[in-house]
Amino acid sequence: MPAVLYHNALSPPSRVALLTIRNLGLDVEIKHIDTYKGEQNTVEYLKINPLHQVPVYVDGDFILTESRAIACYLASSVKSNLYPSDLKKRSLVDSRLYFDATNSFPVLRDFARPVLRAGVKKISQDRREAVKVLLNSLESFLEKSEWFAGDELTIADLAILSSVASFKACGVSFVEFPKLFDWYNRCKAFPGFTENQEGAQILADKLSKLLEEPLWK
């Protein structure tokens, strides 16, 4: 039986795991978990992830949570250059993954969660400014190389793409960030790009319906 990824397209971290699977060409069954219907709270699901979250990767009796850990494991399992074996190159990938986990995703989470979970009808200006600060940081990384962790695509790019695609779907302009814009366009050639963008658009559409103002201005 193939391994299973428990997934929700609205979740940027979940899309990181899915992008990795697509770019590695792995045979993994994708099972959608509808978090708005509470499917993450069922007894069956809590047995594999007591934290009620997606994604979860299950291969037999092996269960792995946390999207970036899943990406690292999958790329390592097939010895893919998406997660280089060279220690220095791999450490740079890790650095960017940690940046994504502690900067990119939190900025996106703080932008969206108050609207989705707390009934907030307007996104504060400081949350909007935080997005611009983040994109400026991402732009600076690309001053040194074409990809976020060197001269080739890695899982660091896939992780960051999940967040960046979400901002793009929300209407954020990349005009002020030409290197980021070029990187985003080059990512279009890789497997899973359209699927990821569709998930990001679902998130953006949901936010738009809940707000009393334009999603991005």
Protein backbone atom coordinates (compact mmCIF):
# COMPACT_ATOMS: atom_id res chain seq x y z
CA MET A 1 0.00 0.00 0.00
CA PRO A 2 1.26 3.51 -0.77
CA ALA A 3 2.06 5.97 1.96
CA VAL A 4 -0.59 8.56 2.81
CA LEU A 5 -0.43 12.33 3.22
CA TYR A 6 -3.28 13.81 5.22
CA HIS A 7 -3.69 17.21 3.61
CA ASN A 8 -5.74 20.37 3.40
CA ALA A 9 -5.13 22.73 0.47
CA LEU A 10 -5.90 25.84 2.54
CA SER A 11 -2.96 25.06 4.81
CA PRO A 12 0.35 26.51 3.55
CA PRO A 13 2.41 23.99 5.58
CA SER A 14 0.36 21.15 4.15
CA ARG A 15 1.09 22.44 0.66
CA VAL A 16 4.83 22.32 1.46
CA ALA A 17 4.59 18.57 1.95
CA LEU A 18 2.48 18.15 -1.18
CA LEU A 19 4.87 20.23 -3.30
CA THR A 20 7.72 18.02 -2.13
CA ILE A 21 5.84 14.87 -3.07
CA ARG A 22 5.04 16.26 -6.52
CA ASN A 23 8.62 17.35 -7.21
CA LEU A 24 10.01 13.99 -6.09
CA GLY A 25 7.43 12.12 -8.18
CA LEU A 26 6.45 9.89 -5.25
CA ASP A 27 3.51 7.50 -5.16
CA VAL A 28 1.66 8.85 -2.14
CA GLU A 29 -2.08 8.77 -1.54
CA ILE A 30 -3.47 12.22 -0.71
CA LYS A 31 -6.33 12.25 1.78
CA HIS A 32 -8.15 15.56 2.25
CA ILE A 33 -8.93 16.57 5.83
CA ASP A 34 -11.69 19.17 6.05
CA THR A 35 -10.66 21.17 9.10
CA TYR A 36 -13.79 23.34 8.90
CA LYS A 37 -15.90 20.22 9.36
CA GLY A 38 -13.73 19.14 12.27
CA GLU A 39 -12.28 16.05 10.62
CA GLN A 40 -8.99 16.74 12.41
CA ASN A 41 -10.80 16.15 15.72
CA THR A 42 -12.06 12.64 15.08
CA VAL A 43 -10.85 9.79 17.26
CA GLU A 44 -9.24 8.15 14.23
CA TYR A 45 -7.30 11.27 13.25
CA LEU A 46 -6.16 12.05 16.79
CA LYS A 47 -4.50 8.64 16.88
CA ILE A 48 -2.08 9.81 14.20
CA ASN A 49 -1.82 13.45 15.27
CA PRO A 50 -2.99 14.49 18.74
CA LEU A 51 -2.28 18.12 17.79
CA HIS A 52 -5.25 18.16 15.36
CA GLN A 53 -3.08 19.50 12.52
CA VAL A 54 -2.20 18.86 8.89
CA PRO A 55 -0.09 17.64 7.25
CA VAL A 56 0.63 14.16 8.52
CA TYR A 57 2.64 11.58 6.56
CA VAL A 58 1.89 7.93 7.30
CA ASP A 59 3.82 5.00 5.85
CA GLY A 60 2.77 1.78 7.56
CA ASP A 61 3.46 2.25 11.26
CA PHE A 62 5.71 5.27 10.61
CA ILE A 63 3.97 8.57 11.34
CA LEU A 64 5.58 11.95 10.72
CA THR A 65 4.16 15.41 11.43
CA GLU A 66 5.48 18.92 10.66
CA SER A 67 5.65 19.85 6.99
CA ARG A 68 9.33 20.72 6.79
CA ALA A 69 10.33 17.53 8.60
CA ILE A 70 8.21 15.61 6.09
CA ALA A 71 9.93 17.41 3.20
CA CYS A 72 13.39 16.65 4.61
CA TYR A 73 12.54 13.00 5.22
CA LEU A 74 11.04 12.40 1.79
CA ALA A 75 13.88 14.08 -0.10
CA SER A 76 16.45 12.21 2.00
CA SER A 77 14.68 8.89 1.49
CA VAL A 78 15.32 9.04 -2.25
CA LYS A 79 18.66 10.90 -1.97
CA SER A 80 17.32 13.83 -3.96
CA ASN A 81 19.31 16.98 -4.66
CA LEU A 82 16.27 18.87 -3.40
CA TYR A 83 17.91 18.24 -0.01
CA PRO A 84 21.65 18.04 -0.77
CA SER A 85 23.90 15.56 0.99
CA ASP A 86 26.77 18.07 1.11
CA LEU A 87 26.81 19.33 4.70
CA LYS A 88 27.26 23.03 3.91
CA LYS A 89 24.62 23.02 1.18
CA ARG A 90 22.19 21.10 3.39
CA SER A 91 22.79 23.47 6.29
CA LEU A 92 21.89 26.43 4.07
CA VAL A 93 18.67 24.65 3.08
CA ASP A 94 17.95 24.06 6.78
CA SER A 95 18.60 27.72 7.51
CA ARG A 96 16.04 28.80 4.93
CA LEU A 97 13.54 26.22 6.18
CA TYR A 98 13.88 27.58 9.70
CA PHE A 99 13.45 31.10 8.35
CA ASP A 100 10.27 30.02 6.61
CA ALA A 101 8.96 28.38 9.78
CA THR A 102 9.76 31.34 12.03
CA ASN A 103 9.20 34.25 9.64
CA SER A 104 7.32 33.56 6.39
CA PHE A 105 4.58 31.35 7.77
CA PRO A 106 4.02 33.35 10.99
CA VAL A 107 3.54 36.54 8.94
CA LEU A 108 0.99 34.75 6.76
CA ARG A 109 -0.69 33.15 9.78
CA ASP A 110 -1.00 36.49 11.57
CA PHE A 111 -2.39 38.04 8.39
CA ALA A 112 -5.08 35.39 7.88
CA ARG A 113 -5.96 33.72 11.19
CA PRO A 114 -7.76 36.66 12.86
CA VAL A 115 -10.09 36.79 9.86
CA LEU A 116 -10.62 33.04 9.63
CA ARG A 117 -10.87 32.25 13.33
CA ALA A 118 -11.74 35.41 15.25
CA GLY A 119 -14.22 37.17 12.99
CA VAL A 120 -11.98 40.17 12.31
CA LYS A 121 -13.35 42.17 9.36
CA LYS A 122 -10.35 44.36 8.61
CA ILE A 123 -6.65 43.51 8.38
CA SER A 124 -4.59 45.93 10.44
CA GLN A 125 -1.97 48.11 8.80
CA ASP A 126 0.81 46.60 10.89
CA ARG A 127 -0.06 43.14 9.54
CA ARG A 128 0.11 44.51 6.00
CA GLU A 129 3.46 46.19 6.70
CA ALA A 130 4.80 42.91 8.09
CA VAL A 131 4.14 41.30 4.70
CA LYS A 132 6.22 43.97 2.95
CA VAL A 133 9.06 43.55 5.45
CA LEU A 134 9.03 39.79 4.86
CA LEU A 135 9.09 40.15 1.08
CA ASN A 136 11.99 42.56 1.36
CA SER A 137 13.90 39.95 3.39
CA LEU A 138 13.16 37.29 0.78
CA GLU A 139 14.34 39.66 -1.94
CA SER A 140 17.64 40.12 -0.10
CA PHE A 141 18.24 36.34 0.00
CA LEU A 142 17.96 36.25 -3.78
CA GLU A 143 20.67 38.88 -4.19
CA LYS A 144 23.23 36.10 -3.68
CA SER A 145 21.79 33.24 -5.73
CA GLU A 146 18.97 32.35 -8.12
CA TRP A 147 17.33 30.05 -5.58
CA PHE A 148 16.88 30.47 -1.87
CA ALA A 149 19.57 28.01 -0.86
CA GLY A 150 22.04 28.12 -3.72
CA ASP A 151 22.12 27.65 -7.47
CA GLU A 152 19.54 24.86 -7.67
CA LEU A 153 15.96 24.33 -6.58
CA THR A 154 15.68 22.79 -3.10
CA ILE A 155 12.93 22.04 -0.62
CA ALA A 156 13.66 25.49 0.84
CA ASP A 157 12.18 27.00 -2.33
CA LEU A 158 9.16 24.73 -2.11
CA ALA A 159 8.52 25.74 1.49
CA ILE A 160 8.84 29.44 0.76
CA LEU A 161 6.74 29.09 -2.40
CA SER A 162 3.80 27.90 -0.33
CA SER A 163 3.74 31.16 1.63
CA VAL A 164 4.63 33.43 -1.29
CA ALA A 165 1.90 31.89 -3.45
CA SER A 166 -0.59 32.70 -0.71
CA PHE A 167 0.43 36.36 -0.68
CA LYS A 168 0.28 36.42 -4.48
CA ALA A 169 -3.26 35.02 -4.41
CA CYS A 170 -4.19 37.72 -1.90
CA GLY A 171 -3.25 40.35 -4.47
CA VAL A 172 0.13 41.42 -3.12
CA SER A 173 2.21 43.05 -5.86
CA PHE A 174 5.79 41.90 -6.40
CA VAL A 175 6.72 44.95 -8.50
CA GLU A 176 8.98 46.26 -5.74
CA PHE A 177 10.68 42.88 -5.48
CA PRO A 178 11.99 42.02 -8.98
CA LYS A 179 14.21 39.12 -7.93
CA LEU A 180 11.38 37.54 -5.97
CA PHE A 181 9.05 38.06 -8.92
CA ASP A 182 11.55 36.39 -11.28
CA TRP A 183 11.99 33.49 -8.84
CA TYR A 184 8.23 33.04 -8.57
CA ASN A 185 7.87 32.92 -12.34
CA ARG A 186 10.65 30.33 -12.65
CA CYS A 187 8.87 28.17 -10.10
CA LYS A 188 5.95 27.85 -12.52
CA ALA A 189 7.91 25.24 -14.47
CA PHE A 190 8.03 22.79 -11.56
CA PRO A 191 5.53 20.04 -10.67
CA GLY A 192 2.77 21.01 -8.30
CA PHE A 193 2.97 24.75 -8.94
CA THR A 194 -0.58 25.08 -10.27
CA GLU A 195 -1.98 22.79 -7.57
CA ASN A 196 -0.27 24.89 -4.91
CA GLN A 197 -1.53 28.14 -6.41
CA GLU A 198 -5.07 26.77 -6.52
CA GLY A 199 -4.86 26.01 -2.81
CA ALA A 200 -3.55 29.50 -2.15
CA GLN A 201 -6.44 30.96 -4.15
CA ILE A 202 -8.97 29.01 -2.09
CA LEU A 203 -7.46 30.60 1.02
CA ALA A 204 -7.54 34.08 -0.54
CA ASP A 205 -11.15 33.69 -1.68
CA LYS A 206 -12.21 32.60 1.80
CA LEU A 207 -10.53 35.64 3.33
CA SER A 208 -12.13 37.98 0.79
CA LYS A 209 -15.62 36.74 1.63
CA LEU A 210 -15.09 37.43 5.32
CA LEU A 211 -13.59 40.92 5.04
CA GLU A 212 -15.36 44.28 4.83
CA GLU A 213 -12.53 45.76 2.77
CA PRO A 214 -10.29 44.71 -0.15
CA LEU A 215 -8.00 41.83 0.76
CA TRP A 216 -4.96 43.83 -0.33
CA LYS A 217 -4.72 47.56 -0.89
